[in-house]
Amino acid sequence: MRKSFGIALALIGLCGLGRAADVCGGAYADCAAGYRANWQDRLNDPHRTPQMRDMIHQQADDYQTAAVRHYREQTGADEPHAQQAVRMYVEANTDRFIALDKRDELNPFLDKCPQPDDSGTL
């Protein structure tokens, strides 16, 4: 709990007040966390080939890159600041998306993710 609170305070400092995903990379940041959760939660799934795991991991990375771009466009932040803000947001929210995965609610969320070159809204 203490770690989550510390991360939340850091995100407020990096991203500002308001809905963190809106500031920290928009829907792309949530999609990055969602794909990261999908990858992480199913590492030991015997039905997933290594190639499929690699593709999902790459998808998470693509969304994180798009989130950094969106964050920079929205805030004017420099690259290192934007990368740190988005990385912290994704790390802080991956467990929330793992919980969605456990309730079979993650895939419907991921299906609504914009392509990394879209507007970033769900």
PDB file of N, CA and C in Angstrom:
ATOM      1  N   MET A   1       0.826  -1.193   0.000  1.00  0.00           N
ATOM      2  CA  MET A   1       0.000   0.000   0.000  1.00  0.00           C
ATOM      3  C   MET A   1       0.867   1.254   0.000  1.00  0.00           C
ATOM      4  N   ARG A   2       1.908   1.251   0.821  1.00  0.00           N
ATOM      5  CA  ARG A   2       2.791   2.402   0.906  1.00  0.00           C
ATOM      6  C   ARG A   2       3.475   2.652  -0.440  1.00  0.00           C
ATOM      7  N   LYS A   3       3.898   1.562  -1.128  1.00  0.00           N
ATOM      8  CA  LYS A   3       4.542   1.702  -2.435  1.00  0.00           C
ATOM      9  C   LYS A   3       3.573   2.315  -3.441  1.00  0.00           C
ATOM     10  N   SER A   4       2.315   1.851  -3.451  1.00  0.00           N
ATOM     11  CA  SER A   4       1.310   2.393  -4.376  1.00  0.00           C
ATOM     12  C   SER A   4       1.080   3.874  -4.127  1.00  0.00           C
ATOM     13  N   PHE A   5       1.049   4.266  -2.859  1.00  0.00           N
ATOM     14  CA  PHE A   5       0.840   5.670  -2.522  1.00  0.00           C
ATOM     15  C   PHE A   5       2.016   6.498  -3.020  1.00  0.00           C
ATOM     16  N   GLY A   6       3.231   5.973  -2.843  1.00  0.00           N
ATOM     17  CA  GLY A   6       4.419   6.678  -3.315  1.00  0.00           C
ATOM     18  C   GLY A   6       4.413   6.836  -4.820  1.00  0.00           C
ATOM     19  N   ILE A   7       4.008   5.787  -5.525  1.00  0.00           N
ATOM     20  CA  ILE A   7       3.928   5.863  -6.984  1.00  0.00           C
ATOM     21  C   ILE A   7       2.878   6.878  -7.398  1.00  0.00           C
ATOM     22  N   ALA A   8       1.744   6.874  -6.709  1.00  0.00           N
ATOM     23  CA  ALA A   8       0.683   7.834  -7.031  1.00  0.00           C
ATOM     24  C   ALA A   8       1.176   9.267  -6.853  1.00  0.00           C
ATOM     25  N   LEU A   9       1.889   9.532  -5.755  1.00  0.00           N
ATOM     26  CA  LEU A   9       2.427  10.876  -5.548  1.00  0.00           C
ATOM     27  C   LEU A   9       3.437  11.240  -6.627  1.00  0.00           C
ATOM     28  N   ALA A  10       4.273  10.287  -7.000  1.00  0.00           N
ATOM     29  CA  ALA A  10       5.253  10.548  -8.059  1.00  0.00           C
ATOM     30  C   ALA A  10       4.552  10.857  -9.375  1.00  0.00           C
ATOM     31  N   LEU A  11       3.475  10.122  -9.670  1.00  0.00           N
ATOM     32  CA  LEU A  11       2.740  10.370 -10.908  1.00  0.00           C
ATOM     33  C   LEU A  11       2.109  11.755 -10.906  1.00  0.00           C
ATOM     34  N   ILE A  12       1.583  12.163  -9.761  1.00  0.00           N
ATOM     35  CA  ILE A  12       1.009  13.510  -9.680  1.00  0.00           C
ATOM     36  C   ILE A  12       2.101  14.534  -9.951  1.00  0.00           C
ATOM     37  N   GLY A  13       3.283  14.290  -9.385  1.00  0.00           N
ATOM     38  CA  GLY A  13       4.392  15.208  -9.612  1.00  0.00           C
ATOM     39  C   GLY A  13       4.830  15.220 -11.069  1.00  0.00           C
ATOM     40  N   LEU A  14       4.864  14.051 -11.704  1.00  0.00           N
ATOM     41  CA  LEU A  14       5.308  13.966 -13.093  1.00  0.00           C
ATOM     42  C   LEU A  14       4.225  14.385 -14.070  1.00  0.00           C
ATOM     43  N   CYS A  15       3.001  13.970 -13.789  1.00  0.00           N
ATOM     44  CA  CYS A  15       1.932  14.125 -14.772  1.00  0.00           C
ATOM     45  C   CYS A  15       0.981  15.272 -14.460  1.00  0.00           C
ATOM     46  N   GLY A  16       0.987  15.751 -13.237  1.00  0.00           N
ATOM     47  CA  GLY A  16       0.060  16.791 -12.837  1.00  0.00           C
ATOM     48  C   GLY A  16      -1.218  16.186 -12.286  1.00  0.00           C
ATOM     49  N   LEU A  17      -2.092  17.028 -11.804  1.00  0.00           N
ATOM     50  CA  LEU A  17      -3.367  16.558 -11.274  1.00  0.00           C
ATOM     51  C   LEU A  17      -4.310  16.253 -12.417  1.00  0.00           C
ATOM     52  N   GLY A  18      -5.396  15.607 -12.106  1.00  0.00           N
ATOM     53  CA  GLY A  18      -6.341  15.194 -13.136  1.00  0.00           C
ATOM     54  C   GLY A  18      -6.204  13.706 -13.361  1.00  0.00           C
ATOM     55  N   ARG A  19      -6.964  13.189 -14.275  1.00  0.00           N
ATOM     56  CA  ARG A  19      -6.899  11.763 -14.567  1.00  0.00           C
ATOM     57  C   ARG A  19      -5.536  11.457 -15.180  1.00  0.00           C
ATOM     58  N   ALA A  20      -4.744  10.670 -14.472  1.00  0.00           N
ATOM     59  CA  ALA A  20      -3.349  10.454 -14.851  1.00  0.00           C
ATOM     60  C   ALA A  20      -3.206   9.935 -16.271  1.00  0.00           C
ATOM     61  N   ALA A  21      -4.055   9.022 -16.699  1.00  0.00           N
ATOM     62  CA  ALA A  21      -3.916   8.469 -18.053  1.00  0.00           C
ATOM     63  C   ALA A  21      -4.109   9.555 -19.104  1.00  0.00           C
ATOM     64  N   ASP A  22      -4.988  10.521 -18.841  1.00  0.00           N
ATOM     65  CA  ASP A  22      -5.189  11.600 -19.800  1.00  0.00           C
ATOM     66  C   ASP A  22      -3.912  12.388 -19.988  1.00  0.00           C
ATOM     67  N   VAL A  23      -3.195  12.600 -18.907  1.00  0.00           N
ATOM     68  CA  VAL A  23      -1.982  13.400 -18.973  1.00  0.00           C
ATOM     69  C   VAL A  23      -0.776  12.536 -19.298  1.00  0.00           C
ATOM     70  N   CYS A  24      -0.746  11.327 -18.787  1.00  0.00           N
ATOM     71  CA  CYS A  24       0.429  10.448 -18.943  1.00  0.00           C
ATOM     72  C   CYS A  24       0.358   9.577 -20.186  1.00  0.00           C
ATOM     73  N   GLY A  25      -0.141  10.084 -21.253  1.00  0.00           N
ATOM     74  CA  GLY A  25      -0.101   9.340 -22.503  1.00  0.00           C
ATOM     75  C   GLY A  25      -1.447   8.894 -23.005  1.00  0.00           C
ATOM     76  N   GLY A  26      -2.511   9.382 -22.410  1.00  0.00           N
ATOM     77  CA  GLY A  26      -3.849   9.078 -22.881  1.00  0.00           C
ATOM     78  C   GLY A  26      -4.176   7.597 -22.857  1.00  0.00           C
ATOM     79  N   ALA A  27      -5.050   7.194 -23.753  1.00  0.00           N
ATOM     80  CA  ALA A  27      -5.472   5.795 -23.830  1.00  0.00           C
ATOM     81  C   ALA A  27      -4.283   4.889 -24.128  1.00  0.00           C
ATOM     82  N   TYR A  28      -3.265   5.437 -24.782  1.00  0.00           N
ATOM     83  CA  TYR A  28      -2.096   4.614 -25.093  1.00  0.00           C
ATOM     84  C   TYR A  28      -1.434   4.079 -23.832  1.00  0.00           C
ATOM     85  N   ALA A  29      -1.385   4.886 -22.790  1.00  0.00           N
ATOM     86  CA  ALA A  29      -0.762   4.438 -21.540  1.00  0.00           C
ATOM     87  C   ALA A  29      -1.571   3.309 -20.919  1.00  0.00           C
ATOM     88  N   ASP A  30      -2.898   3.436 -20.930  1.00  0.00           N
ATOM     89  CA  ASP A  30      -3.730   2.350 -20.410  1.00  0.00           C
ATOM     90  C   ASP A  30      -3.573   1.099 -21.267  1.00  0.00           C
ATOM     91  N   CYS A  31      -3.513   1.256 -22.573  1.00  0.00           N
ATOM     92  CA  CYS A  31      -3.343   0.092 -23.455  1.00  0.00           C
ATOM     93  C   CYS A  31      -1.977  -0.548 -23.255  1.00  0.00           C
ATOM     94  N   ALA A  32      -0.951   0.274 -23.033  1.00  0.00           N
ATOM     95  CA  ALA A  32       0.376  -0.282 -22.739  1.00  0.00           C
ATOM     96  C   ALA A  32       0.327  -1.110 -21.458  1.00  0.00           C
ATOM     97  N   ALA A  33      -0.322  -0.586 -20.434  1.00  0.00           N
ATOM     98  CA  ALA A  33      -0.443  -1.332 -19.175  1.00  0.00           C
ATOM     99  C   ALA A  33      -1.282  -2.589 -19.378  1.00  0.00           C
ATOM    100  N   GLY A  34      -2.329  -2.493 -20.193  1.00  0.00           N
ATOM    101  CA  GLY A  34      -3.175  -3.649 -20.463  1.00  0.00           C
ATOM    102  C   GLY A  34      -2.433  -4.754 -21.192  1.00  0.00           C
ATOM    103  N   TYR A  35      -1.691  -4.384 -22.218  1.00  0.00           N
ATOM    104  CA  TYR A  35      -0.911  -5.397 -22.944  1.00  0.00           C
ATOM    105  C   TYR A  35       0.224  -5.943 -22.085  1.00  0.00           C
ATOM    106  N   ARG A  36       0.822  -5.098 -21.262  1.00  0.00           N
ATOM    107  CA  ARG A  36       1.866  -5.573 -20.347  1.00  0.00           C
ATOM    108  C   ARG A  36       1.260  -6.592 -19.378  1.00  0.00           C
ATOM    109  N   ALA A  37       0.058  -6.311 -18.879  1.00  0.00           N
ATOM    110  CA  ALA A  37      -0.622  -7.247 -17.973  1.00  0.00           C
ATOM    111  C   ALA A  37      -0.940  -8.547 -18.695  1.00  0.00           C
ATOM    112  N   ASN A  38      -1.421  -8.449 -19.929  1.00  0.00           N
ATOM    113  CA  ASN A  38      -1.742  -9.631 -20.718  1.00  0.00           C
ATOM    114  C   ASN A  38      -0.504 -10.502 -20.878  1.00  0.00           C
ATOM    115  N   TRP A  39       0.624  -9.887 -21.180  1.00  0.00           N
ATOM    116  CA  TRP A  39       1.884 -10.609 -21.353  1.00  0.00           C
ATOM    117  C   TRP A  39       2.334 -11.215 -20.028  1.00  0.00           C
ATOM    118  N   GLN A  40       2.348 -10.379 -18.988  1.00  0.00           N
ATOM    119  CA  GLN A  40       2.871 -10.808 -17.688  1.00  0.00           C
ATOM    120  C   GLN A  40       2.011 -11.898 -17.058  1.00  0.00           C
ATOM    121  N   ASP A  41       0.701 -11.747 -17.132  1.00  0.00           N
ATOM    122  CA  ASP A  41      -0.209 -12.680 -16.463  1.00  0.00           C
ATOM    123  C   ASP A  41      -0.233 -14.052 -17.138  1.00  0.00           C
ATOM    124  N   ARG A  42       0.217 -14.117 -18.371  1.00  0.00           N
ATOM    125  CA  ARG A  42       0.123 -15.390 -19.096  1.00  0.00           C
ATOM    126  C   ARG A  42       1.479 -15.915 -19.557  1.00  0.00           C
ATOM    127  N   LEU A  43       2.525 -15.528 -18.856  1.00  0.00           N
ATOM    128  CA  LEU A  43       3.858 -16.010 -19.221  1.00  0.00           C
ATOM    129  C   LEU A  43       3.947 -17.535 -19.221  1.00  0.00           C
ATOM    130  N   ASN A  44       3.248 -18.172 -18.298  1.00  0.00           N
ATOM    131  CA  ASN A  44       3.328 -19.630 -18.170  1.00  0.00           C
ATOM    132  C   ASN A  44       2.174 -20.366 -18.848  1.00  0.00           C
ATOM    133  N   ASP A  45       1.414 -19.666 -19.657  1.00  0.00           N
ATOM    134  CA  ASP A  45       0.297 -20.290 -20.366  1.00  0.00           C
ATOM    135  C   ASP A  45       0.848 -21.264 -21.412  1.00  0.00           C
ATOM    136  N   PRO A  46       0.549 -22.564 -21.266  1.00  0.00           N
ATOM    137  CA  PRO A  46       1.097 -23.538 -22.207  1.00  0.00           C
ATOM    138  C   PRO A  46       0.519 -23.398 -23.628  1.00  0.00           C
ATOM    139  N   HIS A  47      -0.572 -22.658 -23.777  1.00  0.00           N
ATOM    140  CA  HIS A  47      -1.191 -22.481 -25.084  1.00  0.00           C
ATOM    141  C   HIS A  47      -0.593 -21.298 -25.854  1.00  0.00           C
ATOM    142  N   ARG A  48       0.273 -20.546 -25.193  1.00  0.00           N
ATOM    143  CA  ARG A  48       0.915 -19.415 -25.849  1.00  0.00           C
ATOM    144  C   ARG A  48       2.311 -19.804 -26.291  1.00  0.00           C
ATOM    145  N   THR A  49       2.546 -19.620 -27.564  1.00  0.00           N
ATOM    146  CA  THR A  49       3.873 -19.908 -28.095  1.00  0.00           C
ATOM    147  C   THR A  49       4.817 -18.759 -27.719  1.00  0.00           C
ATOM    148  N   PRO A  50       6.104 -19.013 -27.730  1.00  0.00           N
ATOM    149  CA  PRO A  50       7.045 -17.919 -27.477  1.00  0.00           C
ATOM    150  C   PRO A  50       6.858 -16.759 -28.454  1.00  0.00           C
ATOM    151  N   GLN A  51       6.518 -17.064 -29.697  1.00  0.00           N
ATOM    152  CA  GLN A  51       6.291 -16.008 -30.687  1.00  0.00           C
ATOM    153  C   GLN A  51       5.092 -15.142 -30.303  1.00  0.00           C
ATOM    154  N   MET A  52       4.031 -15.775 -29.799  1.00  0.00           N
ATOM    155  CA  MET A  52       2.858 -15.012 -29.382  1.00  0.00           C
ATOM    156  C   MET A  52       3.194 -14.132 -28.188  1.00  0.00           C
ATOM    157  N   ARG A  53       3.937 -14.671 -27.233  1.00  0.00           N
ATOM    158  CA  ARG A  53       4.348 -13.865 -26.081  1.00  0.00           C
ATOM    159  C   ARG A  53       5.184 -12.675 -26.539  1.00  0.00           C
ATOM    160  N   ASP A  54       6.098 -12.910 -27.478  1.00  0.00           N
ATOM    161  CA  ASP A  54       6.938 -11.829 -27.987  1.00  0.00           C
ATOM    162  C   ASP A  54       6.103 -10.761 -28.693  1.00  0.00           C
ATOM    163  N   MET A  55       5.094 -11.184 -29.452  1.00  0.00           N
ATOM    164  CA  MET A  55       4.234 -10.234 -30.158  1.00  0.00           C
ATOM    165  C   MET A  55       3.451  -9.366 -29.170  1.00  0.00           C
ATOM    166  N   ILE A  56       2.951  -9.975 -28.104  1.00  0.00           N
ATOM    167  CA  ILE A  56       2.189  -9.218 -27.100  1.00  0.00           C
ATOM    168  C   ILE A  56       3.105  -8.243 -26.372  1.00  0.00           C
ATOM    169  N   HIS A  57       4.310  -8.688 -26.053  1.00  0.00           N
ATOM    170  CA  HIS A  57       5.282  -7.798 -25.406  1.00  0.00           C
ATOM    171  C   HIS A  57       5.609  -6.624 -26.323  1.00  0.00           C
ATOM    172  N   GLN A  58       5.785  -6.891 -27.612  1.00  0.00           N
ATOM    173  CA  GLN A  58       6.066  -5.826 -28.573  1.00  0.00           C
ATOM    174  C   GLN A  58       4.888  -4.863 -28.677  1.00  0.00           C
ATOM    175  N   GLN A  59       3.677  -5.385 -28.619  1.00  0.00           N
ATOM    176  CA  GLN A  59       2.487  -4.528 -28.667  1.00  0.00           C
ATOM    177  C   GLN A  59       2.474  -3.582 -27.466  1.00  0.00           C
ATOM    178  N   ALA A  60       2.806  -4.108 -26.288  1.00  0.00           N
ATOM    179  CA  ALA A  60       2.882  -3.263 -25.092  1.00  0.00           C
ATOM    180  C   ALA A  60       3.925  -2.166 -25.294  1.00  0.00           C
ATOM    181  N   ASP A  61       5.082  -2.531 -25.849  1.00  0.00           N
ATOM    182  CA  ASP A  61       6.132  -1.542 -26.109  1.00  0.00           C
ATOM    183  C   ASP A  61       5.676  -0.492 -27.115  1.00  0.00           C
ATOM    184  N   ASP A  62       4.948  -0.915 -28.152  1.00  0.00           N
ATOM    185  CA  ASP A  62       4.448   0.028 -29.162  1.00  0.00           C
ATOM    186  C   ASP A  62       3.491   1.040 -28.532  1.00  0.00           C
ATOM    187  N   TYR A  63       2.599   0.550 -27.667  1.00  0.00           N
ATOM    188  CA  TYR A  63       1.668   1.463 -26.993  1.00  0.00           C
ATOM    189  C   TYR A  63       2.403   2.392 -26.039  1.00  0.00           C
ATOM    190  N   GLN A  64       3.423   1.889 -25.374  1.00  0.00           N
ATOM    191  CA  GLN A  64       4.182   2.742 -24.467  1.00  0.00           C
ATOM    192  C   GLN A  64       4.896   3.848 -25.251  1.00  0.00           C
ATOM    193  N   THR A  65       5.443   3.519 -26.402  1.00  0.00           N
ATOM    194  CA  THR A  65       6.089   4.513 -27.259  1.00  0.00           C
ATOM    195  C   THR A  65       5.070   5.560 -27.717  1.00  0.00           C
ATOM    196  N   ALA A  66       3.879   5.109 -28.106  1.00  0.00           N
ATOM    197  CA  ALA A  66       2.825   6.043 -28.522  1.00  0.00           C
ATOM    198  C   ALA A  66       2.393   6.922 -27.346  1.00  0.00           C
ATOM    199  N   ALA A  67       2.351   6.350 -26.146  1.00  0.00           N
ATOM    200  CA  ALA A  67       1.980   7.124 -24.958  1.00  0.00           C
ATOM    201  C   ALA A  67       3.010   8.218 -24.680  1.00  0.00           C
ATOM    202  N   VAL A  68       4.279   7.891 -24.851  1.00  0.00           N
ATOM    203  CA  VAL A  68       5.331   8.897 -24.657  1.00  0.00           C
ATOM    204  C   VAL A  68       5.154  10.027 -25.668  1.00  0.00           C
ATOM    205  N   ARG A  69       4.903   9.673 -26.923  1.00  0.00           N
ATOM    206  CA  ARG A  69       4.691  10.694 -27.960  1.00  0.00           C
ATOM    207  C   ARG A  69       3.487  11.576 -27.612  1.00  0.00           C
ATOM    208  N   HIS A  70       2.391  10.931 -27.209  1.00  0.00           N
ATOM    209  CA  HIS A  70       1.178  11.674 -26.848  1.00  0.00           C
ATOM    210  C   HIS A  70       1.442  12.585 -25.642  1.00  0.00           C
ATOM    211  N   TYR A  71       2.129  12.060 -24.646  1.00  0.00           N
ATOM    212  CA  TYR A  71       2.451  12.847 -23.448  1.00  0.00           C
ATOM    213  C   TYR A  71       3.263  14.085 -23.820  1.00  0.00           C
ATOM    214  N   ARG A  72       4.255  13.904 -24.686  1.00  0.00           N
ATOM    215  CA  ARG A  72       5.094  15.033 -25.095  1.00  0.00           C
ATOM    216  C   ARG A  72       4.263  16.077 -25.859  1.00  0.00           C
ATOM    217  N   GLU A  73       3.357  15.600 -26.718  1.00  0.00           N
ATOM    218  CA  GLU A  73       2.500  16.519 -27.473  1.00  0.00           C
ATOM    219  C   GLU A  73       1.579  17.305 -26.538  1.00  0.00           C
ATOM    220  N   GLN A  74       1.078  16.644 -25.508  1.00  0.00           N
ATOM    221  CA  GLN A  74       0.137  17.277 -24.593  1.00  0.00           C
ATOM    222  C   GLN A  74       0.811  18.224 -23.603  1.00  0.00           C
ATOM    223  N   THR A  75       2.038  17.916 -23.204  1.00  0.00           N
ATOM    224  CA  THR A  75       2.679  18.671 -22.122  1.00  0.00           C
ATOM    225  C   THR A  75       3.883  19.479 -22.549  1.00  0.00           C
ATOM    226  N   GLY A  76       4.468  19.152 -23.692  1.00  0.00           N
ATOM    227  CA  GLY A  76       5.700  19.811 -24.100  1.00  0.00           C
ATOM    228  C   GLY A  76       6.920  19.314 -23.333  1.00  0.00           C
ATOM    229  N   ALA A  77       6.763  18.204 -22.627  1.00  0.00           N
ATOM    230  CA  ALA A  77       7.861  17.653 -21.823  1.00  0.00           C
ATOM    231  C   ALA A  77       8.976  17.133 -22.721  1.00  0.00           C
ATOM    232  N   ASP A  78      10.183  17.090 -22.157  1.00  0.00           N
ATOM    233  CA  ASP A  78      11.286  16.499 -22.908  1.00  0.00           C
ATOM    234  C   ASP A  78      11.167  14.977 -22.883  1.00  0.00           C
ATOM    235  N   GLU A  79      11.924  14.317 -23.752  1.00  0.00           N
ATOM    236  CA  GLU A  79      11.838  12.861 -23.919  1.00  0.00           C
ATOM    237  C   GLU A  79      12.095  12.087 -22.621  1.00  0.00           C
ATOM    238  N   PRO A  80      13.173  12.372 -21.875  1.00  0.00           N
ATOM    239  CA  PRO A  80      13.415  11.594 -20.650  1.00  0.00           C
ATOM    240  C   PRO A  80      12.281  11.722 -19.627  1.00  0.00           C
ATOM    241  N   HIS A  81      11.750  12.938 -19.476  1.00  0.00           N
ATOM    242  CA  HIS A  81      10.644  13.147 -18.532  1.00  0.00           C
ATOM    243  C   HIS A  81       9.407  12.370 -18.982  1.00  0.00           C
ATOM    244  N   ALA A  82       9.091  12.441 -20.257  1.00  0.00           N
ATOM    245  CA  ALA A  82       7.923  11.737 -20.783  1.00  0.00           C
ATOM    246  C   ALA A  82       8.079  10.227 -20.630  1.00  0.00           C
ATOM    247  N   GLN A  83       9.260   9.706 -20.939  1.00  0.00           N
ATOM    248  CA  GLN A  83       9.487   8.268 -20.784  1.00  0.00           C
ATOM    249  C   GLN A  83       9.315   7.832 -19.337  1.00  0.00           C
ATOM    250  N   GLN A  84       9.852   8.617 -18.412  1.00  0.00           N
ATOM    251  CA  GLN A  84       9.736   8.263 -16.998  1.00  0.00           C
ATOM    252  C   GLN A  84       8.280   8.314 -16.537  1.00  0.00           C
ATOM    253  N   ALA A  85       7.560   9.341 -16.923  1.00  0.00           N
ATOM    254  CA  ALA A  85       6.167   9.484 -16.508  1.00  0.00           C
ATOM    255  C   ALA A  85       5.319   8.317 -17.020  1.00  0.00           C
ATOM    256  N   VAL A  86       5.483   7.993 -18.283  1.00  0.00           N
ATOM    257  CA  VAL A  86       4.690   6.908 -18.871  1.00  0.00           C
ATOM    258  C   VAL A  86       5.102   5.566 -18.275  1.00  0.00           C
ATOM    259  N   ARG A  87       6.406   5.335 -18.118  1.00  0.00           N
ATOM    260  CA  ARG A  87       6.878   4.079 -17.533  1.00  0.00           C
ATOM    261  C   ARG A  87       6.307   3.893 -16.135  1.00  0.00           C
ATOM    262  N   MET A  88       6.336   4.953 -15.336  1.00  0.00           N
ATOM    263  CA  MET A  88       5.796   4.855 -13.973  1.00  0.00           C
ATOM    264  C   MET A  88       4.292   4.598 -14.001  1.00  0.00           C
ATOM    265  N   TYR A  89       3.591   5.243 -14.922  1.00  0.00           N
ATOM    266  CA  TYR A  89       2.146   5.024 -15.028  1.00  0.00           C
ATOM    267  C   TYR A  89       1.860   3.566 -15.386  1.00  0.00           C
ATOM    268  N   VAL A  90       2.570   3.043 -16.378  1.00  0.00           N
ATOM    269  CA  VAL A  90       2.357   1.656 -16.805  1.00  0.00           C
ATOM    270  C   VAL A  90       2.665   0.702 -15.657  1.00  0.00           C
ATOM    271  N   GLU A  91       3.783   0.913 -14.980  1.00  0.00           N
ATOM    272  CA  GLU A  91       4.149   0.050 -13.853  1.00  0.00           C
ATOM    273  C   GLU A  91       3.111   0.114 -12.742  1.00  0.00           C
ATOM    274  N   ALA A  92       2.607   1.295 -12.464  1.00  0.00           N
ATOM    275  CA  ALA A  92       1.640   1.468 -11.380  1.00  0.00           C
ATOM    276  C   ALA A  92       0.273   0.877 -11.708  1.00  0.00           C
ATOM    277  N   ASN A  93      -0.026   0.689 -12.993  1.00  0.00           N
ATOM    278  CA  ASN A  93      -1.365   0.235 -13.386  1.00  0.00           C
ATOM    279  C   ASN A  93      -1.429  -1.178 -13.939  1.00  0.00           C
ATOM    280  N   THR A  94      -0.303  -1.842 -14.099  1.00  0.00           N
ATOM    281  CA  THR A  94      -0.310  -3.200 -14.650  1.00  0.00           C
ATOM    282  C   THR A  94      -1.121  -4.149 -13.775  1.00  0.00           C
ATOM    283  N   ASP A  95      -0.983  -4.054 -12.464  1.00  0.00           N
ATOM    284  CA  ASP A  95      -1.739  -4.945 -11.576  1.00  0.00           C
ATOM    285  C   ASP A  95      -3.247  -4.747 -11.719  1.00  0.00           C
ATOM    286  N   ARG A  96      -3.663  -3.517 -11.965  1.00  0.00           N
ATOM    287  CA  ARG A  96      -5.096  -3.249 -12.166  1.00  0.00           C
ATOM    288  C   ARG A  96      -5.598  -4.001 -13.400  1.00  0.00           C
ATOM    289  N   PHE A  97      -4.786  -4.058 -14.434  1.00  0.00           N
ATOM    290  CA  PHE A  97      -5.188  -4.767 -15.650  1.00  0.00           C
ATOM    291  C   PHE A  97      -5.042  -6.280 -15.498  1.00  0.00           C
ATOM    292  N   ILE A  98      -4.118  -6.738 -14.667  1.00  0.00           N
ATOM    293  CA  ILE A  98      -4.051  -8.170 -14.358  1.00  0.00           C
ATOM    294  C   ILE A  98      -5.341  -8.599 -13.670  1.00  0.00           C
ATOM    295  N   ALA A  99      -5.854  -7.758 -12.784  1.00  0.00           N
ATOM    296  CA  ALA A  99      -7.131  -8.059 -12.126  1.00  0.00           C
ATOM    297  C   ALA A  99      -8.254  -8.152 -13.159  1.00  0.00           C
ATOM    298  N   LEU A 100      -8.248  -7.287 -14.163  1.00  0.00           N
ATOM    299  CA  LEU A 100      -9.241  -7.387 -15.243  1.00  0.00           C
ATOM    300  C   LEU A 100      -9.087  -8.703 -15.993  1.00  0.00           C
ATOM    301  N   ASP A 101      -7.842  -9.109 -16.221  1.00  0.00           N
ATOM    302  CA  ASP A 101      -7.587 -10.361 -16.930  1.00  0.00           C
ATOM    303  C   ASP A 101      -8.144 -11.542 -16.151  1.00  0.00           C
ATOM    304  N   LYS A 102      -7.979 -11.522 -14.856  1.00  0.00           N
ATOM    305  CA  LYS A 102      -8.474 -12.621 -14.012  1.00  0.00           C
ATOM    306  C   LYS A 102     -10.006 -12.707 -14.052  1.00  0.00           C
ATOM    307  N   ARG A 103     -10.661 -11.582 -14.344  1.00  0.00           N
ATOM    308  CA  ARG A 103     -12.136 -11.555 -14.449  1.00  0.00           C
ATOM    309  C   ARG A 103     -12.601 -11.669 -15.902  1.00  0.00           C
ATOM    310  N   ASP A 104     -11.689 -12.015 -16.799  1.00  0.00           N
ATOM    311  CA  ASP A 104     -11.997 -12.125 -18.232  1.00  0.00           C
ATOM    312  C   ASP A 104     -12.528 -10.832 -18.827  1.00  0.00           C
ATOM    313  N   GLU A 105     -12.059  -9.707 -18.310  1.00  0.00           N
ATOM    314  CA  GLU A 105     -12.499  -8.407 -18.810  1.00  0.00           C
ATOM    315  C   GLU A 105     -11.390  -7.655 -19.544  1.00  0.00           C
ATOM    316  N   LEU A 106     -10.194  -8.239 -19.611  1.00  0.00           N
ATOM    317  CA  LEU A 106      -9.089  -7.526 -20.238  1.00  0.00           C
ATOM    318  C   LEU A 106      -9.199  -7.522 -21.758  1.00  0.00           C
ATOM    319  N   ASN A 107      -9.484  -8.656 -22.368  1.00  0.00           N
ATOM    320  CA  ASN A 107      -9.541  -8.702 -23.836  1.00  0.00           C
ATOM    321  C   ASN A 107     -10.574  -7.747 -24.416  1.00  0.00           C
ATOM    322  N   PRO A 108     -11.778  -7.639 -23.825  1.00  0.00           N
ATOM    323  CA  PRO A 108     -12.710  -6.627 -24.358  1.00  0.00           C
ATOM    324  C   PRO A 108     -12.145  -5.203 -24.272  1.00  0.00           C
ATOM    325  N   PHE A 109     -11.391  -4.918 -23.206  1.00  0.00           N
ATOM    326  CA  PHE A 109     -10.749  -3.608 -23.106  1.00  0.00           C
ATOM    327  C   PHE A 109      -9.711  -3.439 -24.214  1.00  0.00           C
ATOM    328  N   LEU A 110      -8.856  -4.446 -24.383  1.00  0.00           N
ATOM    329  CA  LEU A 110      -7.796  -4.359 -25.389  1.00  0.00           C
ATOM    330  C   LEU A 110      -8.360  -4.234 -26.795  1.00  0.00           C
ATOM    331  N   ASP A 111      -9.510  -4.846 -27.036  1.00  0.00           N
ATOM    332  CA  ASP A 111     -10.146  -4.745 -28.352  1.00  0.00           C
ATOM    333  C   ASP A 111     -10.528  -3.304 -28.698  1.00  0.00           C
ATOM    334  N   LYS A 112     -10.694  -2.459 -27.677  1.00  0.00           N
ATOM    335  CA  LYS A 112     -11.079  -1.060 -27.899  1.00  0.00           C
ATOM    336  C   LYS A 112      -9.875  -0.131 -28.015  1.00  0.00           C
ATOM    337  N   CYS A 113      -8.674  -0.657 -27.834  1.00  0.00           N
ATOM    338  CA  CYS A 113      -7.487   0.195 -27.907  1.00  0.00           C
ATOM    339  C   CYS A 113      -7.321   0.776 -29.310  1.00  0.00           C
ATOM    340  N   PRO A 114      -6.994   2.063 -29.374  1.00  0.00           N
ATOM    341  CA  PRO A 114      -6.726   2.657 -30.683  1.00  0.00           C
ATOM    342  C   PRO A 114      -5.410   2.097 -31.215  1.00  0.00           C
ATOM    343  N   GLN A 115      -5.241   2.164 -32.502  1.00  0.00           N
ATOM    344  CA  GLN A 115      -3.945   1.819 -33.057  1.00  0.00           C
ATOM    345  C   GLN A 115      -2.947   2.873 -32.580  1.00  0.00           C
ATOM    346  N   PRO A 116      -1.696   2.491 -32.394  1.00  0.00           N
ATOM    347  CA  PRO A 116      -0.730   3.467 -31.871  1.00  0.00           C
ATOM    348  C   PRO A 116      -0.586   4.744 -32.694  1.00  0.00           C
ATOM    349  N   ASP A 117      -1.102   4.797 -33.904  1.00  0.00           N
ATOM    350  CA  ASP A 117      -1.026   6.025 -34.695  1.00  0.00           C
ATOM    351  C   ASP A 117      -2.363   6.766 -34.754  1.00  0.00           C
ATOM    352  N   ASP A 118      -3.366   6.318 -33.955  1.00  0.00           N
ATOM    353  CA  ASP A 118      -4.669   6.987 -33.906  1.00  0.00           C
ATOM    354  C   ASP A 118      -4.641   8.149 -32.909  1.00  0.00           C
ATOM    355  N   SER A 119      -5.801   8.640 -32.574  1.00  0.00           N
ATOM    356  CA  SER A 119      -5.917   9.826 -31.719  1.00  0.00           C
ATOM    357  C   SER A 119      -5.640   9.552 -30.245  1.00  0.00           C
ATOM    358  N   GLY A 120      -5.677   8.300 -29.820  1.00  0.00           N
ATOM    359  CA  GLY A 120      -5.401   7.993 -28.428  1.00  0.00           C
ATOM    360  C   GLY A 120      -6.605   8.058 -27.525  1.00  0.00           C
ATOM    361  N   THR A 121      -7.800   8.016 -28.086  1.00  0.00           N
ATOM    362  CA  THR A 121      -9.000   8.016 -27.264  1.00  0.00           C
ATOM    363  C   THR A 121      -9.710   6.681 -27.422  1.00  0.00           C
ATOM    364  N   LEU A 122     -10.326   6.232 -26.348  1.00  0.00           N
ATOM    365  CA  LEU A 122     -11.074   4.980 -26.390  1.00  0.00           C
ATOM    366  C   LEU A 122     -12.545   5.267 -26.596  1.00  0.00           C
TER     367      LEU A 122
END
